[in-house]
Amino acid sequence: MRKFLILLLLFIIVLSGCNQDTGKGKKNSSGSNSETSEEKFEPIGQEEHEGQWYSVGRFYSIEQATNIEKIKVGPITLHIELAELIRGNYYDENIMESYDQGIIEYEDEEQEFVNLLVKFTTTDSIENLTFDNNHISLATNMDDQFKKPDKNLSSLILAGYMEGNNSTFSFVFPIKESKIEEIESIKVHVKAPIDQNGNSVGEDAEIEFQI
């Protein structure tokens, strides 16, 4: 009798373990534990990326383009080191309160952007020229049109500040009307700098590339 009870107890334990495994399997098959499309990417961090994405939320670089043609406008040349499609979520507005509790929360609404990482070189003094964020515009194959980068997320450029500056500047364009999966090409238009008399120094330039 005692032997029978021991065998019965072992059977119940094994059966319970099988039920738990089955439950886990069902949870995965229902999608609640499945990976999101972003989980195969690492979130953009402070040490591995130019720009301040890590400071405003959790964002991922989904697609990238490199080896992009240079853009020359007068004495200024733009070297686009990287163009990328960014997706992610801003920190929740109560981030400080949730952080104090050891929890980092994010807004529900997902955000998407085109981001350009650019370095500038000059062939002459540009101290007396006007060249700023308003000189850079962007369009995509999905008819997204941007007259200038987003002022809150982008680097700020001034003609005199760029001279001899080896920094990488980030120019961000929010995508609202389409999805970044639909973006296949990007067109960047740069207006020539302006002198003190209001005249263009050089010609406007434009390039288009695939991403």
N, C-alpha and C. Protein backbone atom coordinates (compact mmCIF):
# COMPACT_ATOMS: atom_id res chain seq x y z
N MET A 1 0.83 -1.20 0.00
CA MET A 1 0.00 0.00 0.00
C MET A 1 0.87 1.26 0.00
N ARG A 2 1.89 1.24 0.82
CA ARG A 2 2.79 2.40 0.90
C ARG A 2 3.49 2.62 -0.44
N LYS A 3 3.90 1.51 -1.07
CA LYS A 3 4.57 1.60 -2.37
C LYS A 3 3.62 2.20 -3.41
N PHE A 4 2.37 1.81 -3.34
CA PHE A 4 1.36 2.32 -4.28
C PHE A 4 1.18 3.83 -4.12
N LEU A 5 1.13 4.29 -2.86
CA LEU A 5 0.96 5.72 -2.60
C LEU A 5 2.14 6.53 -3.12
N ILE A 6 3.34 5.98 -2.95
CA ILE A 6 4.54 6.67 -3.45
C ILE A 6 4.48 6.81 -4.96
N LEU A 7 4.12 5.70 -5.64
CA LEU A 7 4.01 5.74 -7.11
C LEU A 7 2.94 6.72 -7.56
N LEU A 8 1.82 6.76 -6.84
CA LEU A 8 0.74 7.68 -7.18
C LEU A 8 1.19 9.14 -7.03
N LEU A 9 1.94 9.41 -5.95
CA LEU A 9 2.44 10.76 -5.72
C LEU A 9 3.40 11.19 -6.83
N LEU A 10 4.30 10.29 -7.23
CA LEU A 10 5.23 10.59 -8.32
C LEU A 10 4.49 10.87 -9.62
N PHE A 11 3.42 10.11 -9.88
CA PHE A 11 2.63 10.29 -11.09
C PHE A 11 1.98 11.68 -11.12
N ILE A 12 1.47 12.11 -9.95
CA ILE A 12 0.83 13.43 -9.86
C ILE A 12 1.84 14.54 -10.11
N ILE A 13 3.06 14.40 -9.56
CA ILE A 13 4.10 15.41 -9.74
C ILE A 13 4.48 15.54 -11.21
N VAL A 14 4.67 14.38 -11.88
CA VAL A 14 5.03 14.38 -13.30
C VAL A 14 3.92 15.01 -14.13
N LEU A 15 2.67 14.66 -13.82
CA LEU A 15 1.53 15.19 -14.56
C LEU A 15 1.43 16.70 -14.38
N SER A 16 1.70 17.19 -13.18
CA SER A 16 1.66 18.63 -12.91
C SER A 16 2.72 19.37 -13.71
N GLY A 17 3.91 18.78 -13.80
CA GLY A 17 4.98 19.40 -14.58
C GLY A 17 4.65 19.48 -16.05
N CYS A 18 4.00 18.43 -16.58
CA CYS A 18 3.61 18.42 -17.98
C CYS A 18 2.59 19.52 -18.26
N ASN A 19 1.65 19.71 -17.33
CA ASN A 19 0.63 20.74 -17.51
C ASN A 19 1.24 22.13 -17.54
N GLN A 20 2.26 22.36 -16.70
CA GLN A 20 2.92 23.66 -16.68
C GLN A 20 3.64 23.92 -17.99
N ASP A 21 4.32 22.89 -18.53
CA ASP A 21 5.01 23.06 -19.80
C ASP A 21 4.04 23.34 -20.91
N THR A 22 2.88 22.64 -20.88
CA THR A 22 1.87 22.86 -21.90
C THR A 22 1.33 24.27 -21.84
N GLY A 23 1.14 24.77 -20.62
CA GLY A 23 0.65 26.13 -20.44
C GLY A 23 1.61 27.15 -21.03
N LYS A 24 2.90 26.92 -20.83
CA LYS A 24 3.90 27.83 -21.38
C LYS A 24 3.86 27.81 -22.89
N GLY A 25 3.70 26.60 -23.44
CA GLY A 25 3.64 26.49 -24.88
C GLY A 25 2.46 27.24 -25.46
N LYS A 26 1.32 27.15 -24.80
CA LYS A 26 0.14 27.86 -25.27
C LYS A 26 0.35 29.36 -25.20
N LYS A 27 1.04 29.80 -24.19
CA LYS A 27 1.28 31.24 -24.06
C LYS A 27 2.11 31.75 -25.21
N ASN A 28 3.13 30.98 -25.61
CA ASN A 28 3.95 31.38 -26.73
C ASN A 28 3.16 31.36 -28.03
N SER A 29 2.35 30.30 -28.21
CA SER A 29 1.62 30.18 -29.46
C SER A 29 0.57 31.26 -29.61
N SER A 30 0.10 31.81 -28.51
CA SER A 30 -0.90 32.87 -28.59
C SER A 30 -0.26 34.21 -28.93
N GLY A 31 1.08 34.30 -28.84
CA GLY A 31 1.77 35.52 -29.22
C GLY A 31 2.13 36.41 -28.05
N SER A 32 1.66 36.11 -26.85
CA SER A 32 1.91 37.02 -25.74
C SER A 32 3.37 37.05 -25.34
N ASN A 33 4.11 35.99 -25.65
CA ASN A 33 5.53 35.96 -25.32
C ASN A 33 6.40 36.05 -26.56
N SER A 34 5.78 36.24 -27.72
CA SER A 34 6.55 36.27 -28.95
C SER A 34 7.37 37.55 -29.02
N GLU A 35 8.51 37.52 -29.76
CA GLU A 35 9.36 38.68 -29.88
C GLU A 35 8.71 39.74 -30.76
N THR A 36 8.85 40.98 -30.38
CA THR A 36 8.44 42.06 -31.26
C THR A 36 9.50 42.22 -32.34
N SER A 37 9.16 42.98 -33.39
CA SER A 37 10.10 43.16 -34.48
C SER A 37 11.37 43.87 -34.02
N GLU A 38 11.28 44.66 -32.93
CA GLU A 38 12.44 45.39 -32.47
C GLU A 38 13.37 44.55 -31.59
N GLU A 39 12.87 43.45 -31.04
CA GLU A 39 13.67 42.71 -30.07
C GLU A 39 14.90 42.05 -30.68
N LYS A 40 14.95 41.96 -32.01
CA LYS A 40 16.15 41.42 -32.64
C LYS A 40 17.24 42.48 -32.76
N PHE A 41 16.91 43.74 -32.44
CA PHE A 41 17.86 44.84 -32.43
C PHE A 41 18.20 45.22 -30.99
N GLU A 42 19.38 45.81 -30.83
CA GLU A 42 19.74 46.37 -29.54
C GLU A 42 19.27 47.82 -29.49
N PRO A 43 18.68 48.26 -28.38
CA PRO A 43 18.30 49.67 -28.28
C PRO A 43 19.53 50.56 -28.45
N ILE A 44 19.33 51.73 -29.04
CA ILE A 44 20.42 52.67 -29.23
C ILE A 44 20.93 53.13 -27.87
N GLY A 45 22.23 52.99 -27.65
CA GLY A 45 22.82 53.33 -26.37
C GLY A 45 23.71 54.55 -26.45
N GLN A 46 24.19 54.97 -25.32
CA GLN A 46 24.99 56.19 -25.23
C GLN A 46 26.35 56.04 -25.88
N GLU A 47 26.96 54.88 -25.75
CA GLU A 47 28.34 54.73 -26.18
C GLU A 47 28.48 54.34 -27.64
N GLU A 48 27.42 53.80 -28.25
CA GLU A 48 27.58 53.19 -29.57
C GLU A 48 26.95 53.98 -30.70
N HIS A 49 26.47 55.18 -30.43
CA HIS A 49 25.68 55.88 -31.44
C HIS A 49 25.78 57.38 -31.24
N GLU A 50 25.94 58.11 -32.36
CA GLU A 50 25.87 59.56 -32.30
C GLU A 50 24.40 59.97 -32.19
N GLY A 51 24.14 61.05 -31.49
CA GLY A 51 22.76 61.47 -31.29
C GLY A 51 22.34 61.17 -29.86
N GLN A 52 21.18 61.65 -29.49
CA GLN A 52 20.73 61.60 -28.10
C GLN A 52 19.50 60.72 -27.90
N TRP A 53 19.33 59.71 -28.72
CA TRP A 53 18.12 58.89 -28.65
C TRP A 53 17.95 58.24 -27.28
N TYR A 54 19.03 57.77 -26.70
CA TYR A 54 18.96 57.08 -25.41
C TYR A 54 18.45 57.99 -24.30
N SER A 55 18.58 59.31 -24.49
CA SER A 55 18.17 60.24 -23.44
C SER A 55 16.70 60.62 -23.52
N VAL A 56 16.02 60.28 -24.61
CA VAL A 56 14.60 60.65 -24.75
C VAL A 56 13.67 59.43 -24.75
N GLY A 57 14.23 58.23 -24.81
CA GLY A 57 13.37 57.04 -24.80
C GLY A 57 14.14 55.80 -25.21
N ARG A 58 13.40 54.80 -25.65
CA ARG A 58 13.99 53.54 -26.12
C ARG A 58 13.76 53.46 -27.62
N PHE A 59 14.85 53.55 -28.39
CA PHE A 59 14.74 53.61 -29.84
C PHE A 59 15.69 52.61 -30.49
N TYR A 60 15.30 52.19 -31.70
CA TYR A 60 16.05 51.18 -32.44
C TYR A 60 16.35 51.68 -33.84
N SER A 61 17.55 51.37 -34.32
CA SER A 61 17.93 51.66 -35.70
C SER A 61 17.52 50.47 -36.55
N ILE A 62 16.46 50.64 -37.37
CA ILE A 62 15.85 49.53 -38.09
C ILE A 62 16.53 49.25 -39.43
N GLU A 63 16.81 50.30 -40.20
CA GLU A 63 17.50 50.17 -41.49
C GLU A 63 18.54 51.26 -41.59
N GLN A 64 19.63 50.98 -42.35
CA GLN A 64 20.71 51.94 -42.48
C GLN A 64 21.23 51.98 -43.91
N ALA A 65 21.79 53.13 -44.26
CA ALA A 65 22.49 53.29 -45.54
C ALA A 65 23.81 54.00 -45.27
N THR A 66 24.88 53.50 -45.89
CA THR A 66 26.20 54.12 -45.76
C THR A 66 26.77 54.35 -47.16
N ASN A 67 28.02 54.81 -47.23
CA ASN A 67 28.67 55.08 -48.52
C ASN A 67 27.81 55.99 -49.39
N ILE A 68 27.34 57.06 -48.80
CA ILE A 68 26.45 58.00 -49.48
C ILE A 68 27.28 59.11 -50.12
N GLU A 69 26.87 59.52 -51.30
CA GLU A 69 27.56 60.56 -52.04
C GLU A 69 27.64 61.86 -51.24
N LYS A 70 28.77 62.55 -51.36
CA LYS A 70 28.95 63.83 -50.68
C LYS A 70 28.07 64.90 -51.34
N ILE A 71 27.73 65.92 -50.55
CA ILE A 71 26.96 67.05 -51.07
C ILE A 71 27.79 68.32 -50.88
N LYS A 72 28.09 69.01 -51.98
CA LYS A 72 28.90 70.22 -51.91
C LYS A 72 28.06 71.43 -52.30
N VAL A 73 28.01 72.42 -51.40
CA VAL A 73 27.32 73.68 -51.69
C VAL A 73 28.28 74.81 -51.37
N GLY A 74 28.81 75.45 -52.40
CA GLY A 74 29.80 76.50 -52.18
C GLY A 74 31.01 75.95 -51.45
N PRO A 75 31.46 76.62 -50.39
CA PRO A 75 32.64 76.16 -49.66
C PRO A 75 32.35 75.07 -48.62
N ILE A 76 31.10 74.60 -48.55
CA ILE A 76 30.71 73.63 -47.53
C ILE A 76 30.41 72.27 -48.16
N THR A 77 30.97 71.22 -47.59
CA THR A 77 30.70 69.86 -48.05
C THR A 77 30.09 69.06 -46.91
N LEU A 78 28.98 68.39 -47.21
CA LEU A 78 28.31 67.52 -46.24
C LEU A 78 28.70 66.07 -46.51
N HIS A 79 29.21 65.41 -45.50
CA HIS A 79 29.54 63.99 -45.58
C HIS A 79 28.49 63.24 -44.76
N ILE A 80 27.53 62.63 -45.44
CA ILE A 80 26.50 61.86 -44.72
C ILE A 80 27.08 60.49 -44.39
N GLU A 81 27.52 60.33 -43.15
CA GLU A 81 28.15 59.08 -42.74
C GLU A 81 27.14 57.95 -42.62
N LEU A 82 25.91 58.31 -42.25
CA LEU A 82 24.89 57.28 -42.03
C LEU A 82 23.51 57.91 -42.18
N ALA A 83 22.64 57.21 -42.91
CA ALA A 83 21.21 57.54 -42.92
C ALA A 83 20.50 56.32 -42.35
N GLU A 84 19.55 56.55 -41.46
CA GLU A 84 18.91 55.41 -40.81
C GLU A 84 17.44 55.69 -40.54
N LEU A 85 16.71 54.59 -40.44
CA LEU A 85 15.30 54.64 -40.07
C LEU A 85 15.19 54.22 -38.61
N ILE A 86 14.61 55.09 -37.79
CA ILE A 86 14.55 54.91 -36.35
C ILE A 86 13.11 54.65 -35.92
N ARG A 87 12.94 53.71 -34.98
CA ARG A 87 11.61 53.47 -34.40
C ARG A 87 11.76 53.27 -32.90
N GLY A 88 10.76 53.74 -32.14
CA GLY A 88 10.79 53.52 -30.70
C GLY A 88 9.74 54.32 -29.97
N ASN A 89 9.93 54.44 -28.67
CA ASN A 89 8.96 55.11 -27.81
C ASN A 89 9.66 56.09 -26.88
N TYR A 90 9.04 57.25 -26.70
CA TYR A 90 9.55 58.21 -25.73
C TYR A 90 9.33 57.69 -24.32
N TYR A 91 10.15 58.18 -23.39
CA TYR A 91 9.88 57.91 -21.99
C TYR A 91 8.51 58.46 -21.62
N ASP A 92 7.84 57.79 -20.69
CA ASP A 92 6.59 58.30 -20.16
C ASP A 92 6.82 59.65 -19.49
N GLU A 93 5.82 60.52 -19.54
CA GLU A 93 5.99 61.86 -18.97
C GLU A 93 6.28 61.83 -17.47
N ASN A 94 5.93 60.74 -16.81
CA ASN A 94 6.21 60.60 -15.38
C ASN A 94 7.47 59.76 -15.15
N ILE A 95 8.45 59.90 -16.06
CA ILE A 95 9.64 59.05 -16.02
C ILE A 95 10.38 59.17 -14.69
N MET A 96 10.48 60.36 -14.11
CA MET A 96 11.23 60.52 -12.87
C MET A 96 10.56 59.77 -11.73
N GLU A 97 9.24 59.82 -11.70
CA GLU A 97 8.51 59.12 -10.65
C GLU A 97 8.65 57.61 -10.79
N SER A 98 8.53 57.11 -12.02
CA SER A 98 8.64 55.67 -12.23
C SER A 98 10.08 55.20 -12.04
N TYR A 99 11.07 56.05 -12.41
CA TYR A 99 12.47 55.69 -12.24
C TYR A 99 12.81 55.54 -10.77
N ASP A 100 12.27 56.41 -9.93
CA ASP A 100 12.50 56.32 -8.49
C ASP A 100 11.98 55.00 -7.92
N GLN A 101 10.98 54.43 -8.58
CA GLN A 101 10.41 53.16 -8.14
C GLN A 101 11.13 51.96 -8.77
N GLY A 102 12.19 52.26 -9.53
CA GLY A 102 12.94 51.19 -10.17
C GLY A 102 12.29 50.67 -11.44
N ILE A 103 11.35 51.42 -12.00
CA ILE A 103 10.64 51.00 -13.20
C ILE A 103 10.76 52.11 -14.24
N ILE A 104 11.15 51.74 -15.45
CA ILE A 104 11.20 52.72 -16.54
C ILE A 104 10.03 52.45 -17.47
N GLU A 105 9.17 53.43 -17.63
CA GLU A 105 7.98 53.26 -18.46
C GLU A 105 8.08 54.14 -19.70
N TYR A 106 7.38 53.70 -20.76
CA TYR A 106 7.43 54.39 -22.04
C TYR A 106 6.03 54.73 -22.52
N GLU A 107 5.94 55.75 -23.35
CA GLU A 107 4.65 56.09 -23.93
C GLU A 107 4.17 54.98 -24.86
N ASP A 108 2.86 54.84 -24.97
CA ASP A 108 2.29 53.77 -25.81
C ASP A 108 2.49 54.04 -27.29
N GLU A 109 2.40 55.30 -27.68
CA GLU A 109 2.46 55.63 -29.11
C GLU A 109 3.88 55.47 -29.65
N GLU A 110 4.01 54.68 -30.71
CA GLU A 110 5.31 54.44 -31.32
C GLU A 110 5.67 55.59 -32.26
N GLN A 111 6.95 55.96 -32.27
CA GLN A 111 7.43 57.06 -33.10
C GLN A 111 8.40 56.53 -34.15
N GLU A 112 8.41 57.17 -35.32
CA GLU A 112 9.31 56.77 -36.40
C GLU A 112 10.00 58.01 -36.99
N PHE A 113 11.27 57.83 -37.37
CA PHE A 113 12.05 58.97 -37.86
C PHE A 113 13.02 58.52 -38.95
N VAL A 114 13.41 59.50 -39.79
CA VAL A 114 14.62 59.38 -40.60
C VAL A 114 15.69 60.20 -39.90
N ASN A 115 16.88 59.63 -39.75
CA ASN A 115 17.97 60.32 -39.07
C ASN A 115 19.20 60.35 -39.98
N LEU A 116 19.79 61.52 -40.14
CA LEU A 116 21.03 61.67 -40.90
C LEU A 116 22.15 62.05 -39.95
N LEU A 117 23.26 61.33 -40.03
CA LEU A 117 24.46 61.66 -39.26
C LEU A 117 25.47 62.27 -40.22
N VAL A 118 25.82 63.53 -39.99
CA VAL A 118 26.56 64.31 -40.98
C VAL A 118 27.79 64.96 -40.36
N LYS A 119 28.89 64.95 -41.12
CA LYS A 119 30.06 65.75 -40.79
C LYS A 119 30.24 66.81 -41.88
N PHE A 120 30.81 67.95 -41.49
CA PHE A 120 31.00 69.06 -42.43
C PHE A 120 32.48 69.36 -42.60
N THR A 121 32.87 69.69 -43.83
CA THR A 121 34.20 70.22 -44.09
C THR A 121 34.04 71.49 -44.91
N THR A 122 35.01 72.39 -44.80
CA THR A 122 34.94 73.65 -45.54
C THR A 122 36.25 73.88 -46.29
N THR A 123 36.14 74.54 -47.44
CA THR A 123 37.33 74.83 -48.25
C THR A 123 37.75 76.29 -48.12
N ASP A 124 36.97 77.08 -47.42
CA ASP A 124 37.26 78.50 -47.25
C ASP A 124 36.58 78.97 -45.97
N SER A 125 36.91 80.16 -45.54
CA SER A 125 36.27 80.70 -44.34
C SER A 125 34.78 80.93 -44.60
N ILE A 126 33.96 80.51 -43.66
CA ILE A 126 32.51 80.67 -43.81
C ILE A 126 31.94 81.49 -42.64
N GLU A 127 32.82 82.20 -41.96
CA GLU A 127 32.42 82.93 -40.76
C GLU A 127 31.32 83.95 -41.05
N ASN A 128 31.37 84.58 -42.22
CA ASN A 128 30.40 85.62 -42.55
C ASN A 128 29.25 85.12 -43.42
N LEU A 129 29.10 83.82 -43.51
CA LEU A 129 28.03 83.24 -44.30
C LEU A 129 26.90 82.74 -43.40
N THR A 130 25.72 82.66 -43.96
CA THR A 130 24.57 82.09 -43.26
C THR A 130 24.31 80.69 -43.79
N PHE A 131 24.41 79.71 -42.90
CA PHE A 131 24.10 78.32 -43.25
C PHE A 131 23.66 77.63 -41.97
N ASP A 132 22.39 77.21 -41.93
CA ASP A 132 21.86 76.62 -40.71
C ASP A 132 20.91 75.47 -41.04
N ASN A 133 20.16 75.01 -40.04
CA ASN A 133 19.27 73.86 -40.23
C ASN A 133 18.23 74.08 -41.31
N ASN A 134 17.85 75.34 -41.55
CA ASN A 134 16.85 75.64 -42.57
C ASN A 134 17.35 75.36 -43.98
N HIS A 135 18.64 75.12 -44.13
CA HIS A 135 19.20 74.86 -45.46
C HIS A 135 19.14 73.38 -45.84
N ILE A 136 18.70 72.52 -44.92
CA ILE A 136 18.67 71.08 -45.18
C ILE A 136 17.22 70.59 -45.19
N SER A 137 16.80 70.03 -46.30
CA SER A 137 15.44 69.46 -46.40
C SER A 137 15.53 68.02 -46.90
N LEU A 138 14.43 67.29 -46.75
CA LEU A 138 14.45 65.85 -47.05
C LEU A 138 13.09 65.41 -47.58
N ALA A 139 13.12 64.42 -48.47
CA ALA A 139 11.90 63.80 -48.99
C ALA A 139 12.14 62.30 -49.13
N THR A 140 11.07 61.52 -49.10
CA THR A 140 11.17 60.07 -49.28
C THR A 140 10.33 59.65 -50.48
N ASN A 141 10.49 58.39 -50.88
CA ASN A 141 9.69 57.86 -51.99
C ASN A 141 8.21 57.75 -51.64
N MET A 142 7.86 57.89 -50.35
CA MET A 142 6.46 57.84 -49.92
C MET A 142 5.84 59.23 -49.83
N ASP A 143 6.50 60.20 -50.47
CA ASP A 143 6.00 61.59 -50.52
C ASP A 143 6.03 62.30 -49.17
N ASP A 144 6.83 61.79 -48.23
CA ASP A 144 7.09 62.56 -47.01
C ASP A 144 7.96 63.75 -47.40
N GLN A 145 7.56 64.95 -47.00
CA GLN A 145 8.30 66.16 -47.34
C GLN A 145 8.64 66.93 -46.06
N PHE A 146 9.90 67.28 -45.92
CA PHE A 146 10.34 68.02 -44.73
C PHE A 146 11.17 69.22 -45.17
N LYS A 147 10.74 70.41 -44.80
CA LYS A 147 11.45 71.62 -45.18
C LYS A 147 12.71 71.83 -44.35
N LYS A 148 12.73 71.24 -43.14
CA LYS A 148 13.89 71.37 -42.28
C LYS A 148 13.84 70.27 -41.22
N PRO A 149 14.95 69.98 -40.56
CA PRO A 149 14.95 68.96 -39.50
C PRO A 149 14.14 69.40 -38.29
N ASP A 150 13.74 68.41 -37.49
CA ASP A 150 13.03 68.69 -36.24
C ASP A 150 13.97 69.45 -35.30
N LYS A 151 13.52 70.59 -34.80
CA LYS A 151 14.41 71.45 -34.01
C LYS A 151 14.69 70.89 -32.62
N ASN A 152 13.78 70.08 -32.09
CA ASN A 152 13.96 69.56 -30.73
C ASN A 152 14.90 68.36 -30.67
N LEU A 153 14.94 67.57 -31.75
CA LEU A 153 15.75 66.35 -31.74
C LEU A 153 17.05 66.48 -32.51
N SER A 154 17.18 67.52 -33.33
CA SER A 154 18.34 67.65 -34.21
C SER A 154 19.44 68.51 -33.59
N SER A 155 20.64 68.32 -34.12
CA SER A 155 21.75 69.20 -33.75
C SER A 155 21.49 70.58 -34.33
N LEU A 156 22.08 71.58 -33.71
CA LEU A 156 21.97 72.95 -34.19
C LEU A 156 23.27 73.33 -34.88
N ILE A 157 23.16 73.81 -36.13
CA ILE A 157 24.36 74.20 -36.86
C ILE A 157 24.33 75.69 -37.16
N LEU A 158 25.50 76.29 -37.13
CA LEU A 158 25.73 77.67 -37.54
C LEU A 158 27.00 77.67 -38.37
N ALA A 159 27.05 78.51 -39.40
CA ALA A 159 28.17 78.48 -40.34
C ALA A 159 29.52 78.61 -39.64
N GLY A 160 29.66 79.58 -38.76
CA GLY A 160 30.94 79.79 -38.09
C GLY A 160 31.33 78.64 -37.19
N TYR A 161 30.34 77.96 -36.61
CA TYR A 161 30.61 76.87 -35.67
C TYR A 161 31.11 75.62 -36.39
N MET A 162 30.75 75.46 -37.67
CA MET A 162 31.13 74.25 -38.40
C MET A 162 32.58 74.28 -38.85
N GLU A 163 33.15 75.45 -38.97
CA GLU A 163 34.50 75.57 -39.51
C GLU A 163 35.52 74.90 -38.59
N GLY A 164 36.21 73.90 -39.10
CA GLY A 164 37.20 73.17 -38.32
C GLY A 164 36.61 72.28 -37.25
N ASN A 165 35.30 72.05 -37.30
CA ASN A 165 34.62 71.22 -36.29
C ASN A 165 34.47 69.81 -36.82
N ASN A 166 35.05 68.84 -36.13
CA ASN A 166 35.01 67.44 -36.59
C ASN A 166 33.85 66.65 -35.97
N SER A 167 32.92 67.34 -35.34
CA SER A 167 31.80 66.66 -34.68
C SER A 167 30.85 66.06 -35.71
N THR A 168 30.09 65.07 -35.27
CA THR A 168 29.02 64.50 -36.09
C THR A 168 27.70 65.14 -35.67
N PHE A 169 26.96 65.64 -36.64
CA PHE A 169 25.69 66.31 -36.38
C PHE A 169 24.54 65.39 -36.77
N SER A 170 23.50 65.40 -35.97
CA SER A 170 22.33 64.55 -36.21
C SER A 170 21.15 65.40 -36.65
N PHE A 171 20.55 65.03 -37.81
CA PHE A 171 19.39 65.75 -38.33
C PHE A 171 18.22 64.77 -38.44
N VAL A 172 17.14 65.09 -37.72
CA VAL A 172 16.04 64.15 -37.52
C VAL A 172 14.77 64.66 -38.20
N PHE A 173 14.08 63.74 -38.89
CA PHE A 173 12.84 64.08 -39.60
C PHE A 173 11.76 63.09 -39.18
N PRO A 174 10.72 63.54 -38.45
CA PRO A 174 9.67 62.62 -37.98
C PRO A 174 8.79 62.12 -39.13
N ILE A 175 8.53 60.82 -39.15
CA ILE A 175 7.65 60.22 -40.15
C ILE A 175 6.26 60.07 -39.55
N LYS A 176 5.27 60.68 -40.19
CA LYS A 176 3.90 60.66 -39.66
C LYS A 176 2.91 60.01 -40.61
N GLU A 177 3.07 60.22 -41.91
CA GLU A 177 2.05 59.81 -42.88
C GLU A 177 2.28 58.42 -43.46
N SER A 178 3.44 57.83 -43.24
CA SER A 178 3.72 56.50 -43.79
C SER A 178 4.44 55.67 -42.74
N LYS A 179 4.81 54.45 -43.09
CA LYS A 179 5.57 53.56 -42.21
C LYS A 179 6.98 53.44 -42.75
N ILE A 180 7.95 53.33 -41.86
CA ILE A 180 9.33 53.30 -42.32
C ILE A 180 9.63 52.06 -43.16
N GLU A 181 8.84 50.99 -43.00
CA GLU A 181 9.04 49.81 -43.85
C GLU A 181 8.77 50.12 -45.32
N GLU A 182 8.00 51.17 -45.57
CA GLU A 182 7.66 51.54 -46.95
C GLU A 182 8.70 52.45 -47.59
N ILE A 183 9.61 52.97 -46.79
CA ILE A 183 10.62 53.89 -47.31
C ILE A 183 11.75 53.11 -47.98
N GLU A 184 11.97 53.38 -49.25
CA GLU A 184 13.02 52.70 -50.01
C GLU A 184 14.11 53.65 -50.48
N SER A 185 13.76 54.92 -50.63
CA SER A 185 14.76 55.90 -51.07
C SER A 185 14.55 57.22 -50.35
N ILE A 186 15.64 57.96 -50.24
CA ILE A 186 15.65 59.25 -49.54
C ILE A 186 16.33 60.28 -50.43
N LYS A 187 15.75 61.45 -50.49
CA LYS A 187 16.32 62.56 -51.26
C LYS A 187 16.65 63.69 -50.29
N VAL A 188 17.90 64.14 -50.32
CA VAL A 188 18.35 65.23 -49.45
C VAL A 188 18.68 66.44 -50.32
N HIS A 189 18.07 67.56 -49.99
CA HIS A 189 18.30 68.82 -50.73
C HIS A 189 18.98 69.81 -49.79
N VAL A 190 20.05 70.42 -50.25
CA VAL A 190 20.80 71.38 -49.44
C VAL A 190 20.90 72.71 -50.19
N LYS A 191 20.44 73.77 -49.55
CA LYS A 191 20.54 75.10 -50.15
C LYS A 191 21.93 75.68 -49.88
N ALA A 192 22.44 76.41 -50.84
CA ALA A 192 23.76 77.02 -50.71
C ALA A 192 23.76 78.07 -49.60
N PRO A 193 24.92 78.29 -48.99
CA PRO A 193 25.01 79.34 -47.96
C PRO A 193 24.78 80.72 -48.57
N ILE A 194 24.45 81.66 -47.71
CA ILE A 194 24.13 83.03 -48.13
C ILE A 194 25.16 83.99 -47.56
N ASP A 195 25.61 84.93 -48.40
CA ASP A 195 26.58 85.92 -47.90
C ASP A 195 25.86 87.10 -47.25
N GLN A 196 26.62 88.09 -46.82
CA GLN A 196 26.05 89.22 -46.09
C GLN A 196 25.14 90.09 -46.95
N ASN A 197 25.26 89.96 -48.26
CA ASN A 197 24.41 90.73 -49.17
C ASN A 197 23.17 89.95 -49.60
N GLY A 198 22.99 88.75 -49.02
CA GLY A 198 21.83 87.95 -49.36
C GLY A 198 21.98 87.14 -50.63
N ASN A 199 23.20 87.02 -51.13
CA ASN A 199 23.44 86.26 -52.35
C ASN A 199 23.90 84.84 -52.03
N SER A 200 23.49 83.90 -52.86
CA SER A 200 23.92 82.51 -52.69
C SER A 200 25.39 82.37 -53.04
N VAL A 201 26.11 81.63 -52.21
CA VAL A 201 27.52 81.34 -52.48
C VAL A 201 27.59 79.90 -52.99
N GLY A 202 27.57 79.75 -54.30
CA GLY A 202 27.52 78.42 -54.89
C GLY A 202 26.09 78.06 -55.27
N GLU A 203 25.92 76.82 -55.70
CA GLU A 203 24.63 76.33 -56.16
C GLU A 203 24.02 75.36 -55.14
N ASP A 204 22.69 75.33 -55.11
CA ASP A 204 22.01 74.30 -54.31
C ASP A 204 22.39 72.92 -54.85
N ALA A 205 22.30 71.91 -54.00
CA ALA A 205 22.65 70.55 -54.43
C ALA A 205 21.66 69.55 -53.85
N GLU A 206 21.54 68.41 -54.53
CA GLU A 206 20.58 67.39 -54.12
C GLU A 206 21.11 66.01 -54.48
N ILE A 207 20.91 65.05 -53.59
CA ILE A 207 21.27 63.67 -53.89
C ILE A 207 20.10 62.77 -53.50
N GLU A 208 20.05 61.60 -54.12
CA GLU A 208 19.04 60.60 -53.78
C GLU A 208 19.74 59.26 -53.64
N PHE A 209 19.36 58.49 -52.64
CA PHE A 209 20.00 57.19 -52.41
C PHE A 209 18.99 56.20 -51.87
N GLN A 210 19.33 54.92 -51.99
CA GLN A 210 18.47 53.83 -51.51
C GLN A 210 18.79 53.50 -50.06
N ILE A 211 17.77 53.04 -49.34
CA ILE A 211 17.99 52.62 -47.96
C ILE A 211 17.27 51.31 -47.72
